[in-house]
Amino acid sequence: MNPDLPARYEATFMLLPAGESITCRVSETQYRALALGMTGTLQVQGSRFVSFVPA
């Protein structure tokens, strides 16, 4: 990891019931609020992450 470059955070969401996945860039704060296996409502605009509200 190059300390001169800004960190880039991505999260992969599994869309149910289809089982498809989508990977979005998120902020560090958004990334840290996520945990493996969380369920909730994902909102995207095109391929841009808008929000994730845990269930």
Protein backbone atom coordinates (compact mmCIF):
# COMPACT_ATOMS: atom_id res chain seq x y z
CA MET A 1 0.00 0.00 0.00
CA ASN A 2 1.41 3.37 -1.01
CA PRO A 3 0.99 5.89 1.87
CA ASP A 4 1.10 8.79 -0.62
CA LEU A 5 -2.10 7.67 -2.32
CA PRO A 6 -5.54 8.15 -0.72
CA ALA A 7 -7.27 4.98 0.45
CA ARG A 8 -10.09 3.67 -1.73
CA TYR A 9 -12.94 1.80 -0.09
CA GLU A 10 -15.27 -0.60 -1.89
CA ALA A 11 -18.14 -2.73 -0.62
CA THR A 12 -19.79 -5.62 -2.41
CA PHE A 13 -23.51 -6.08 -1.84
CA MET A 14 -25.44 -9.28 -2.61
CA LEU A 15 -28.81 -8.47 -4.17
CA LEU A 16 -31.60 -10.79 -3.07
CA PRO A 17 -33.41 -12.88 -4.22
CA ALA A 18 -31.51 -12.90 -7.54
CA GLY A 19 -28.15 -13.50 -5.87
CA GLU A 20 -26.42 -10.95 -8.09
CA SER A 21 -23.75 -8.75 -6.57
CA ILE A 22 -22.80 -5.11 -7.04
CA THR A 23 -19.54 -3.48 -5.94
CA CYS A 24 -19.62 0.21 -5.04
CA ARG A 25 -17.08 2.77 -3.91
CA VAL A 26 -17.94 4.09 -0.46
CA SER A 27 -16.40 6.54 1.98
CA GLU A 28 -14.25 5.31 4.86
CA THR A 29 -17.06 6.16 7.31
CA GLN A 30 -19.61 4.19 5.27
CA TYR A 31 -17.19 1.27 4.93
CA ARG A 32 -16.53 1.10 8.67
CA ALA A 33 -20.29 1.05 9.37
CA LEU A 34 -20.71 -2.17 7.34
CA ALA A 35 -20.25 -5.71 8.60
CA LEU A 36 -20.16 -9.01 6.75
CA GLY A 37 -23.63 -10.55 6.58
CA MET A 38 -25.59 -7.36 7.27
CA THR A 39 -29.02 -7.13 5.69
CA GLY A 40 -30.89 -3.99 4.77
CA THR A 41 -31.94 -1.71 1.95
CA LEU A 42 -29.39 -0.60 -0.63
CA GLN A 43 -29.99 2.53 -2.68
CA VAL A 44 -27.92 3.16 -5.80
CA GLN A 45 -28.23 5.66 -8.63
CA GLY A 46 -27.02 3.90 -11.74
CA SER A 47 -23.84 2.28 -10.42
CA ARG A 48 -23.21 5.02 -7.82
CA PHE A 49 -23.70 4.15 -4.13
CA VAL A 50 -26.26 6.39 -2.41
CA SER A 51 -27.00 4.68 0.91
CA PHE A 52 -27.39 1.46 2.84
CA VAL A 53 -29.92 1.27 5.67
CA PRO A 54 -29.48 -1.79 7.92
CA ALA A 55 -32.61 -3.82 8.65
